[in-house]
Amino acid sequence: MLGVLDPEGAHLAALRRLADFSRARVLEVGCGDGRLTLGIAEQAESVFAFDPDEAAVVRARKALPSQLADRVTYGVGSATEVEIPRSAYDIVVFSWSL
């Protein structure tokens, strides 16, 4: 499923033009199956990605390469349910989450 919605990587490329993920602590709201998470994590210091769709998060966890496992944490919940400490993240990404 990864890459199906954006096989050319245009969406991730657009995000990279808007923000420098290098060494950033990133919060991804509405990560779904992790279609953007992995590309963000390649550059980021850390990524906390969550989504209310538990099945999608399970797929994202299964697709997480071992070399990114120390940088990515997935969670299940909505933006109103997940407690997010102030100033804990440098960049917040939410794509297709409305």
PDB file of N, CA and C in Angstrom:
ATOM      1  N   MET A   1       0.819  -1.194   0.000  1.00  0.00           N
ATOM      2  CA  MET A   1       0.000   0.000   0.000  1.00  0.00           C
ATOM      3  C   MET A   1       0.865   1.261   0.000  1.00  0.00           C
ATOM      4  N   LEU A   2       2.039   1.185   0.616  1.00  0.00           N
ATOM      5  CA  LEU A   2       2.898   2.356   0.655  1.00  0.00           C
ATOM      6  C   LEU A   2       3.258   2.790  -0.753  1.00  0.00           C
ATOM      7  N   GLY A   3       3.191   4.072  -1.025  1.00  0.00           N
ATOM      8  CA  GLY A   3       3.546   4.598  -2.329  1.00  0.00           C
ATOM      9  C   GLY A   3       2.432   4.532  -3.352  1.00  0.00           C
ATOM     10  N   VAL A   4       1.325   3.871  -3.045  1.00  0.00           N
ATOM     11  CA  VAL A   4       0.235   3.743  -4.001  1.00  0.00           C
ATOM     12  C   VAL A   4      -0.421   5.091  -4.268  1.00  0.00           C
ATOM     13  N   LEU A   5      -0.608   5.896  -3.239  1.00  0.00           N
ATOM     14  CA  LEU A   5      -1.252   7.198  -3.409  1.00  0.00           C
ATOM     15  C   LEU A   5      -0.328   8.247  -4.002  1.00  0.00           C
ATOM     16  N   ASP A   6       0.958   8.028  -3.924  1.00  0.00           N
ATOM     17  CA  ASP A   6       1.930   8.997  -4.417  1.00  0.00           C
ATOM     18  C   ASP A   6       3.168   8.264  -4.940  1.00  0.00           C
ATOM     19  N   PRO A   7       3.002   7.458  -6.003  1.00  0.00           N
ATOM     20  CA  PRO A   7       4.109   6.614  -6.453  1.00  0.00           C
ATOM     21  C   PRO A   7       5.342   7.389  -6.908  1.00  0.00           C
ATOM     22  N   GLU A   8       5.174   8.617  -7.363  1.00  0.00           N
ATOM     23  CA  GLU A   8       6.320   9.411  -7.807  1.00  0.00           C
ATOM     24  C   GLU A   8       6.990  10.163  -6.667  1.00  0.00           C
ATOM     25  N   GLY A   9       6.387  10.145  -5.490  1.00  0.00           N
ATOM     26  CA  GLY A   9       6.965  10.846  -4.351  1.00  0.00           C
ATOM     27  C   GLY A   9       6.786  12.352  -4.391  1.00  0.00           C
ATOM     28  N   ALA A  10       5.842  12.830  -5.173  1.00  0.00           N
ATOM     29  CA  ALA A  10       5.626  14.279  -5.317  1.00  0.00           C
ATOM     30  C   ALA A  10       5.159  14.921  -4.013  1.00  0.00           C
ATOM     31  N   HIS A  11       4.333  14.216  -3.272  1.00  0.00           N
ATOM     32  CA  HIS A  11       3.815  14.770  -2.020  1.00  0.00           C
ATOM     33  C   HIS A  11       4.945  14.962  -1.008  1.00  0.00           C
ATOM     34  N   LEU A  12       5.780  13.955  -0.860  1.00  0.00           N
ATOM     35  CA  LEU A  12       6.914  14.046   0.051  1.00  0.00           C
ATOM     36  C   LEU A  12       7.891  15.130  -0.420  1.00  0.00           C
ATOM     37  N   ALA A  13       8.112  15.213  -1.713  1.00  0.00           N
ATOM     38  CA  ALA A  13       9.007  16.242  -2.254  1.00  0.00           C
ATOM     39  C   ALA A  13       8.469  17.638  -1.956  1.00  0.00           C
ATOM     40  N   ALA A  14       7.162  17.811  -2.053  1.00  0.00           N
ATOM     41  CA  ALA A  14       6.556  19.110  -1.741  1.00  0.00           C
ATOM     42  C   ALA A  14       6.750  19.454  -0.267  1.00  0.00           C
ATOM     43  N   LEU A  15       6.585  18.485   0.620  1.00  0.00           N
ATOM     44  CA  LEU A  15       6.804  18.721   2.040  1.00  0.00           C
ATOM     45  C   LEU A  15       8.253  19.111   2.317  1.00  0.00           C
ATOM     46  N   ARG A  16       9.168  18.451   1.633  1.00  0.00           N
ATOM     47  CA  ARG A  16      10.593  18.753   1.830  1.00  0.00           C
ATOM     48  C   ARG A  16      10.951  20.151   1.334  1.00  0.00           C
ATOM     49  N   ARG A  17      10.216  20.651   0.330  1.00  0.00           N
ATOM     50  CA  ARG A  17      10.445  22.032  -0.117  1.00  0.00           C
ATOM     51  C   ARG A  17       9.940  23.034   0.917  1.00  0.00           C
ATOM     52  N   LEU A  18       8.937  22.655   1.673  1.00  0.00           N
ATOM     53  CA  LEU A  18       8.332  23.552   2.664  1.00  0.00           C
ATOM     54  C   LEU A  18       9.047  23.533   4.010  1.00  0.00           C
ATOM     55  N   ALA A  19       9.676  22.410   4.341  1.00  0.00           N
ATOM     56  CA  ALA A  19      10.304  22.289   5.667  1.00  0.00           C
ATOM     57  C   ALA A  19      11.580  21.471   5.572  1.00  0.00           C
ATOM     58  N   ASP A  20      12.530  21.827   6.405  1.00  0.00           N
ATOM     59  CA  ASP A  20      13.781  21.074   6.507  1.00  0.00           C
ATOM     60  C   ASP A  20      13.638  20.094   7.668  1.00  0.00           C
ATOM     61  N   PHE A  21      13.532  18.832   7.352  1.00  0.00           N
ATOM     62  CA  PHE A  21      13.329  17.802   8.370  1.00  0.00           C
ATOM     63  C   PHE A  21      14.640  17.338   9.017  1.00  0.00           C
ATOM     64  N   SER A  22      15.757  17.834   8.515  1.00  0.00           N
ATOM     65  CA  SER A  22      17.060  17.418   9.039  1.00  0.00           C
ATOM     66  C   SER A  22      17.148  17.674  10.537  1.00  0.00           C
ATOM     67  N   ARG A  23      17.389  16.593  11.267  1.00  0.00           N
ATOM     68  CA  ARG A  23      17.545  16.630  12.724  1.00  0.00           C
ATOM     69  C   ARG A  23      16.348  17.231  13.460  1.00  0.00           C
ATOM     70  N   ALA A  24      15.185  17.273  12.835  1.00  0.00           N
ATOM     71  CA  ALA A  24      13.990  17.837  13.473  1.00  0.00           C
ATOM     72  C   ALA A  24      13.223  16.762  14.239  1.00  0.00           C
ATOM     73  N   ARG A  25      12.535  17.209  15.275  1.00  0.00           N
ATOM     74  CA  ARG A  25      11.598  16.353  16.004  1.00  0.00           C
ATOM     75  C   ARG A  25      10.240  16.617  15.361  1.00  0.00           C
ATOM     76  N   VAL A  26       9.677  15.603  14.709  1.00  0.00           N
ATOM     77  CA  VAL A  26       8.487  15.777  13.883  1.00  0.00           C
ATOM     78  C   VAL A  26       7.292  15.051  14.494  1.00  0.00           C
ATOM     79  N   LEU A  27       6.169  15.740  14.497  1.00  0.00           N
ATOM     80  CA  LEU A  27       4.889  15.168  14.900  1.00  0.00           C
ATOM     81  C   LEU A  27       4.055  15.037  13.637  1.00  0.00           C
ATOM     82  N   GLU A  28       3.619  13.820  13.327  1.00  0.00           N
ATOM     83  CA  GLU A  28       2.774  13.617  12.152  1.00  0.00           C
ATOM     84  C   GLU A  28       1.373  13.230  12.606  1.00  0.00           C
ATOM     85  N   VAL A  29       0.425  14.113  12.371  1.00  0.00           N
ATOM     86  CA  VAL A  29      -0.968  13.911  12.744  1.00  0.00           C
ATOM     87  C   VAL A  29      -1.680  13.242  11.575  1.00  0.00           C
ATOM     88  N   GLY A  30      -2.299  12.114  11.825  1.00  0.00           N
ATOM     89  CA  GLY A  30      -3.015  11.411  10.762  1.00  0.00           C
ATOM     90  C   GLY A  30      -2.076  10.707   9.812  1.00  0.00           C
ATOM     91  N   CYS A  31      -1.214   9.857  10.346  1.00  0.00           N
ATOM     92  CA  CYS A  31      -0.186   9.199   9.533  1.00  0.00           C
ATOM     93  C   CYS A  31      -0.726   8.094   8.642  1.00  0.00           C
ATOM     94  N   GLY A  32      -1.926   7.589   8.938  1.00  0.00           N
ATOM     95  CA  GLY A  32      -2.460   6.485   8.151  1.00  0.00           C
ATOM     96  C   GLY A  32      -1.514   5.304   8.165  1.00  0.00           C
ATOM     97  N   ASP A  33      -1.204   4.777   6.988  1.00  0.00           N
ATOM     98  CA  ASP A  33      -0.325   3.606   6.899  1.00  0.00           C
ATOM     99  C   ASP A  33       1.149   3.976   6.798  1.00  0.00           C
ATOM    100  N   GLY A  34       1.475   5.228   7.092  1.00  0.00           N
ATOM    101  CA  GLY A  34       2.868   5.656   7.118  1.00  0.00           C
ATOM    102  C   GLY A  34       3.422   6.067   5.774  1.00  0.00           C
ATOM    103  N   ARG A  35       2.559   6.412   4.831  1.00  0.00           N
ATOM    104  CA  ARG A  35       3.018   6.711   3.473  1.00  0.00           C
ATOM    105  C   ARG A  35       4.014   7.858   3.425  1.00  0.00           C
ATOM    106  N   LEU A  36       3.929   8.811   4.343  1.00  0.00           N
ATOM    107  CA  LEU A  36       4.886   9.917   4.405  1.00  0.00           C
ATOM    108  C   LEU A  36       5.904   9.739   5.528  1.00  0.00           C
ATOM    109  N   THR A  37       5.547   9.001   6.536  1.00  0.00           N
ATOM    110  CA  THR A  37       6.377   8.857   7.732  1.00  0.00           C
ATOM    111  C   THR A  37       7.799   8.408   7.416  1.00  0.00           C
ATOM    112  N   LEU A  38       7.920   7.395   6.593  1.00  0.00           N
ATOM    113  CA  LEU A  38       9.241   6.832   6.317  1.00  0.00           C
ATOM    114  C   LEU A  38      10.143   7.832   5.620  1.00  0.00           C
ATOM    115  N   GLY A  39       9.607   8.577   4.671  1.00  0.00           N
ATOM    116  CA  GLY A  39      10.397   9.584   3.979  1.00  0.00           C
ATOM    117  C   GLY A  39      10.816  10.719   4.882  1.00  0.00           C
ATOM    118  N   ILE A  40       9.939  11.104   5.791  1.00  0.00           N
ATOM    119  CA  ILE A  40      10.264  12.149   6.763  1.00  0.00           C
ATOM    120  C   ILE A  40      11.343  11.646   7.716  1.00  0.00           C
ATOM    121  N   ALA A  41      11.184  10.413   8.171  1.00  0.00           N
ATOM    122  CA  ALA A  41      12.115   9.833   9.155  1.00  0.00           C
ATOM    123  C   ALA A  41      13.519   9.657   8.604  1.00  0.00           C
ATOM    124  N   GLU A  42      13.672   9.565   7.289  1.00  0.00           N
ATOM    125  CA  GLU A  42      15.010   9.430   6.700  1.00  0.00           C
ATOM    126  C   GLU A  42      15.904  10.598   7.086  1.00  0.00           C
ATOM    127  N   GLN A  43      15.302  11.774   7.286  1.00  0.00           N
ATOM    128  CA  GLN A  43      16.064  12.976   7.615  1.00  0.00           C
ATOM    129  C   GLN A  43      15.891  13.422   9.062  1.00  0.00           C
ATOM    130  N   ALA A  44      14.765  13.128   9.651  1.00  0.00           N
ATOM    131  CA  ALA A  44      14.424  13.653  10.975  1.00  0.00           C
ATOM    132  C   ALA A  44      15.200  12.972  12.101  1.00  0.00           C
ATOM    133  N   GLU A  45      15.312  13.688  13.204  1.00  0.00           N
ATOM    134  CA  GLU A  45      15.878  13.086  14.418  1.00  0.00           C
ATOM    135  C   GLU A  45      14.907  12.064  14.982  1.00  0.00           C
ATOM    136  N   SER A  46      13.616  12.448  15.001  1.00  0.00           N
ATOM    137  CA  SER A  46      12.586  11.551  15.495  1.00  0.00           C
ATOM    138  C   SER A  46      11.245  11.934  14.890  1.00  0.00           C
ATOM    139  N   VAL A  47      10.349  10.943  14.809  1.00  0.00           N
ATOM    140  CA  VAL A  47       8.993  11.165  14.314  1.00  0.00           C
ATOM    141  C   VAL A  47       8.031  10.434  15.243  1.00  0.00           C
ATOM    142  N   PHE A  48       7.057  11.162  15.760  1.00  0.00           N
ATOM    143  CA  PHE A  48       5.930  10.531  16.449  1.00  0.00           C
ATOM    144  C   PHE A  48       4.747  10.699  15.519  1.00  0.00           C
ATOM    145  N   ALA A  49       4.250   9.589  14.996  1.00  0.00           N
ATOM    146  CA  ALA A  49       3.169   9.594  14.016  1.00  0.00           C
ATOM    147  C   ALA A  49       1.980   8.842  14.597  1.00  0.00           C
ATOM    148  N   PHE A  50       0.804   9.432  14.476  1.00  0.00           N
ATOM    149  CA  PHE A  50      -0.372   8.754  15.017  1.00  0.00           C
ATOM    150  C   PHE A  50      -1.582   8.937  14.111  1.00  0.00           C
ATOM    151  N   ASP A  51      -2.568   8.053  14.314  1.00  0.00           N
ATOM    152  CA  ASP A  51      -3.777   8.059  13.508  1.00  0.00           C
ATOM    153  C   ASP A  51      -4.869   7.348  14.302  1.00  0.00           C
ATOM    154  N   PRO A  52      -6.123   7.726  14.128  1.00  0.00           N
ATOM    155  CA  PRO A  52      -7.192   7.020  14.837  1.00  0.00           C
ATOM    156  C   PRO A  52      -7.520   5.643  14.238  1.00  0.00           C
ATOM    157  N   ASP A  53      -7.054   5.379  13.027  1.00  0.00           N
ATOM    158  CA  ASP A  53      -7.319   4.107  12.362  1.00  0.00           C
ATOM    159  C   ASP A  53      -6.285   3.068  12.798  1.00  0.00           C
ATOM    160  N   GLU A  54      -6.672   2.238  13.750  1.00  0.00           N
ATOM    161  CA  GLU A  54      -5.735   1.261  14.314  1.00  0.00           C
ATOM    162  C   GLU A  54      -5.188   0.304  13.266  1.00  0.00           C
ATOM    163  N   ALA A  55      -6.020  -0.125  12.338  1.00  0.00           N
ATOM    164  CA  ALA A  55      -5.563  -1.052  11.297  1.00  0.00           C
ATOM    165  C   ALA A  55      -4.484  -0.408  10.423  1.00  0.00           C
ATOM    166  N   ALA A  56      -4.639   0.869  10.121  1.00  0.00           N
ATOM    167  CA  ALA A  56      -3.636   1.579   9.315  1.00  0.00           C
ATOM    168  C   ALA A  56      -2.326   1.687  10.082  1.00  0.00           C
ATOM    169  N   VAL A  57      -2.397   1.954  11.375  1.00  0.00           N
ATOM    170  CA  VAL A  57      -1.185   2.060  12.190  1.00  0.00           C
ATOM    171  C   VAL A  57      -0.490   0.702  12.293  1.00  0.00           C
ATOM    172  N   VAL A  58      -1.243  -0.357  12.367  1.00  0.00           N
ATOM    173  CA  VAL A  58      -0.656  -1.699  12.377  1.00  0.00           C
ATOM    174  C   VAL A  58       0.110  -1.931  11.078  1.00  0.00           C
ATOM    175  N   ARG A  59      -0.472  -1.537   9.943  1.00  0.00           N
ATOM    176  CA  ARG A  59       0.226  -1.674   8.655  1.00  0.00           C
ATOM    177  C   ARG A  59       1.497  -0.825   8.644  1.00  0.00           C
ATOM    178  N   ALA A  60       1.416   0.384   9.193  1.00  0.00           N
ATOM    179  CA  ALA A  60       2.591   1.262   9.236  1.00  0.00           C
ATOM    180  C   ALA A  60       3.699   0.634  10.074  1.00  0.00           C
ATOM    181  N   ARG A  61       3.355   0.090  11.205  1.00  0.00           N
ATOM    182  CA  ARG A  61       4.361  -0.553  12.066  1.00  0.00           C
ATOM    183  C   ARG A  61       5.017  -1.730  11.361  1.00  0.00           C
ATOM    184  N   LYS A  62       4.228  -2.515  10.637  1.00  0.00           N
ATOM    185  CA  LYS A  62       4.773  -3.675   9.925  1.00  0.00           C
ATOM    186  C   LYS A  62       5.711  -3.249   8.801  1.00  0.00           C
ATOM    187  N   ALA A  63       5.458  -2.096   8.206  1.00  0.00           N
ATOM    188  CA  ALA A  63       6.268  -1.624   7.077  1.00  0.00           C
ATOM    189  C   ALA A  63       7.500  -0.828   7.521  1.00  0.00           C
ATOM    190  N   LEU A  64       7.655  -0.613   8.820  1.00  0.00           N
ATOM    191  CA  LEU A  64       8.765   0.194   9.332  1.00  0.00           C
ATOM    192  C   LEU A  64      10.082  -0.573   9.218  1.00  0.00           C
ATOM    193  N   PRO A  65      11.015  -0.059   8.407  1.00  0.00           N
ATOM    194  CA  PRO A  65      12.316  -0.726   8.281  1.00  0.00           C
ATOM    195  C   PRO A  65      13.092  -0.662   9.595  1.00  0.00           C
ATOM    196  N   SER A  66      13.854  -1.677   9.882  1.00  0.00           N
ATOM    197  CA  SER A  66      14.589  -1.741  11.146  1.00  0.00           C
ATOM    198  C   SER A  66      15.548  -0.561  11.316  1.00  0.00           C
ATOM    199  N   GLN A  67      16.105  -0.038  10.219  1.00  0.00           N
ATOM    200  CA  GLN A  67      17.048   1.078  10.341  1.00  0.00           C
ATOM    201  C   GLN A  67      16.369   2.383  10.753  1.00  0.00           C
ATOM    202  N   LEU A  68      15.039   2.447  10.693  1.00  0.00           N
ATOM    203  CA  LEU A  68      14.325   3.649  11.137  1.00  0.00           C
ATOM    204  C   LEU A  68      13.582   3.423  12.456  1.00  0.00           C
ATOM    205  N   ALA A  69      13.641   2.212  12.983  1.00  0.00           N
ATOM    206  CA  ALA A  69      12.867   1.869  14.179  1.00  0.00           C
ATOM    207  C   ALA A  69      13.230   2.718  15.391  1.00  0.00           C
ATOM    208  N   ASP A  70      14.465   3.178  15.485  1.00  0.00           N
ATOM    209  CA  ASP A  70      14.856   3.995  16.633  1.00  0.00           C
ATOM    210  C   ASP A  70      14.412   5.448  16.481  1.00  0.00           C
ATOM    211  N   ARG A  71      13.940   5.828  15.300  1.00  0.00           N
ATOM    212  CA  ARG A  71      13.507   7.215  15.066  1.00  0.00           C
ATOM    213  C   ARG A  71      11.995   7.394  15.002  1.00  0.00           C
ATOM    214  N   VAL A  72      11.257   6.315  14.752  1.00  0.00           N
ATOM    215  CA  VAL A  72       9.810   6.416  14.530  1.00  0.00           C
ATOM    216  C   VAL A  72       9.038   5.722  15.643  1.00  0.00           C
ATOM    217  N   THR A  73       8.056   6.426  16.161  1.00  0.00           N
ATOM    218  CA  THR A  73       7.110   5.857  17.116  1.00  0.00           C
ATOM    219  C   THR A  73       5.718   6.068  16.557  1.00  0.00           C
ATOM    220  N   TYR A  74       4.934   5.003  16.494  1.00  0.00           N
ATOM    221  CA  TYR A  74       3.556   5.101  16.026  1.00  0.00           C
ATOM    222  C   TYR A  74       2.605   5.006  17.206  1.00  0.00           C
ATOM    223  N   GLY A  75       1.500   5.726  17.108  1.00  0.00           N
ATOM    224  CA  GLY A  75       0.469   5.674  18.122  1.00  0.00           C
ATOM    225  C   GLY A  75      -0.905   5.641  17.486  1.00  0.00           C
ATOM    226  N   VAL A  76      -1.890   5.214  18.270  1.00  0.00           N
ATOM    227  CA  VAL A  76      -3.275   5.169  17.803  1.00  0.00           C
ATOM    228  C   VAL A  76      -4.078   6.172  18.614  1.00  0.00           C
ATOM    229  N   GLY A  77      -4.804   7.033  17.926  1.00  0.00           N
ATOM    230  CA  GLY A  77      -5.654   8.011  18.580  1.00  0.00           C
ATOM    231  C   GLY A  77      -5.894   9.200  17.672  1.00  0.00           C
ATOM    232  N   SER A  78      -6.856  10.007  18.061  1.00  0.00           N
ATOM    233  CA  SER A  78      -7.148  11.227  17.301  1.00  0.00           C
ATOM    234  C   SER A  78      -6.360  12.387  17.905  1.00  0.00           C
ATOM    235  N   ALA A  79      -6.323  13.485  17.193  1.00  0.00           N
ATOM    236  CA  ALA A  79      -5.580  14.658  17.659  1.00  0.00           C
ATOM    237  C   ALA A  79      -6.146  15.202  18.966  1.00  0.00           C
ATOM    238  N   THR A  80      -7.397  14.937  19.248  1.00  0.00           N
ATOM    239  CA  THR A  80      -7.982  15.399  20.511  1.00  0.00           C
ATOM    240  C   THR A  80      -7.699  14.430  21.662  1.00  0.00           C
ATOM    241  N   GLU A  81      -7.255  13.215  21.342  1.00  0.00           N
ATOM    242  CA  GLU A  81      -6.996  12.207  22.364  1.00  0.00           C
ATOM    243  C   GLU A  81      -5.529  12.092  22.766  1.00  0.00           C
ATOM    244  N   VAL A  82      -4.643  12.358  21.840  1.00  0.00           N
ATOM    245  CA  VAL A  82      -3.215  12.182  22.085  1.00  0.00           C
ATOM    246  C   VAL A  82      -2.680  13.404  22.819  1.00  0.00           C
ATOM    247  N   GLU A  83      -2.017  13.165  23.939  1.00  0.00           N
ATOM    248  CA  GLU A  83      -1.436  14.268  24.691  1.00  0.00           C
ATOM    249  C   GLU A  83      -0.099  14.643  24.072  1.00  0.00           C
ATOM    250  N   ILE A  84       0.019  15.919  23.722  1.00  0.00           N
ATOM    251  CA  ILE A  84       1.211  16.416  23.051  1.00  0.00           C
ATOM    252  C   ILE A  84       1.815  17.526  23.901  1.00  0.00           C
ATOM    253  N   PRO A  85       2.975  17.285  24.473  1.00  0.00           N
ATOM    254  CA  PRO A  85       3.615  18.317  25.303  1.00  0.00           C
ATOM    255  C   PRO A  85       4.002  19.543  24.468  1.00  0.00           C
ATOM    256  N   ARG A  86       3.823  20.717  25.033  1.00  0.00           N
ATOM    257  CA  ARG A  86       4.221  21.947  24.348  1.00  0.00           C
ATOM    258  C   ARG A  86       5.717  21.919  24.084  1.00  0.00           C
ATOM    259  N   SER A  87       6.108  22.435  22.971  1.00  0.00           N
ATOM    260  CA  SER A  87       7.518  22.559  22.560  1.00  0.00           C
ATOM    261  C   SER A  87       8.242  21.221  22.430  1.00  0.00           C
ATOM    262  N   ALA A  88       7.528  20.137  22.299  1.00  0.00           N
ATOM    263  CA  ALA A  88       8.169  18.835  22.167  1.00  0.00           C
ATOM    264  C   ALA A  88       8.591  18.548  20.729  1.00  0.00           C
ATOM    265  N   TYR A  89       8.035  19.319  19.778  1.00  0.00           N
ATOM    266  CA  TYR A  89       8.304  19.049  18.370  1.00  0.00           C
ATOM    267  C   TYR A  89       8.696  20.330  17.649  1.00  0.00           C
ATOM    268  N   ASP A  90       9.532  20.159  16.632  1.00  0.00           N
ATOM    269  CA  ASP A  90       9.974  21.291  15.825  1.00  0.00           C
ATOM    270  C   ASP A  90       9.042  21.530  14.642  1.00  0.00           C
ATOM    271  N   ILE A  91       8.485  20.455  14.107  1.00  0.00           N
ATOM    272  CA  ILE A  91       7.627  20.512  12.918  1.00  0.00           C
ATOM    273  C   ILE A  91       6.426  19.613  13.141  1.00  0.00           C
ATOM    274  N   VAL A  92       5.258  20.106  12.738  1.00  0.00           N
ATOM    275  CA  VAL A  92       4.043  19.300  12.768  1.00  0.00           C
ATOM    276  C   VAL A  92       3.554  19.145  11.332  1.00  0.00           C
ATOM    277  N   VAL A  93       3.295  17.899  10.944  1.00  0.00           N
ATOM    278  CA  VAL A  93       2.804  17.600   9.605  1.00  0.00           C
ATOM    279  C   VAL A  93       1.423  16.968   9.754  1.00  0.00           C
ATOM    280  N   PHE A  94       0.475  17.491   9.011  1.00  0.00           N
ATOM    281  CA  PHE A  94      -0.814  16.811   8.908  1.00  0.00           C
ATOM    282  C   PHE A  94      -1.263  16.933   7.468  1.00  0.00           C
ATOM    283  N   SER A  95      -1.416  15.784   6.862  1.00  0.00           N
ATOM    284  CA  SER A  95      -1.720  15.730   5.438  1.00  0.00           C
ATOM    285  C   SER A  95      -2.932  14.836   5.231  1.00  0.00           C
ATOM    286  N   TRP A  96      -3.905  15.351   4.548  1.00  0.00           N
ATOM    287  CA  TRP A  96      -5.128  14.607   4.277  1.00  0.00           C
ATOM    288  C   TRP A  96      -5.812  14.186   5.571  1.00  0.00           C
ATOM    289  N   SER A  97      -5.724  15.025   6.592  1.00  0.00           N
ATOM    290  CA  SER A  97      -6.238  14.654   7.920  1.00  0.00           C
ATOM    291  C   SER A  97      -7.479  15.423   8.337  1.00  0.00           C
ATOM    292  N   LEU A  98      -8.050  16.179   7.453  1.00  0.00           N
ATOM    293  CA  LEU A  98      -9.240  16.962   7.834  1.00  0.00           C
ATOM    294  C   LEU A  98     -10.504  16.169   7.689  1.00  0.00           C
TER     295      LEU A  98
END
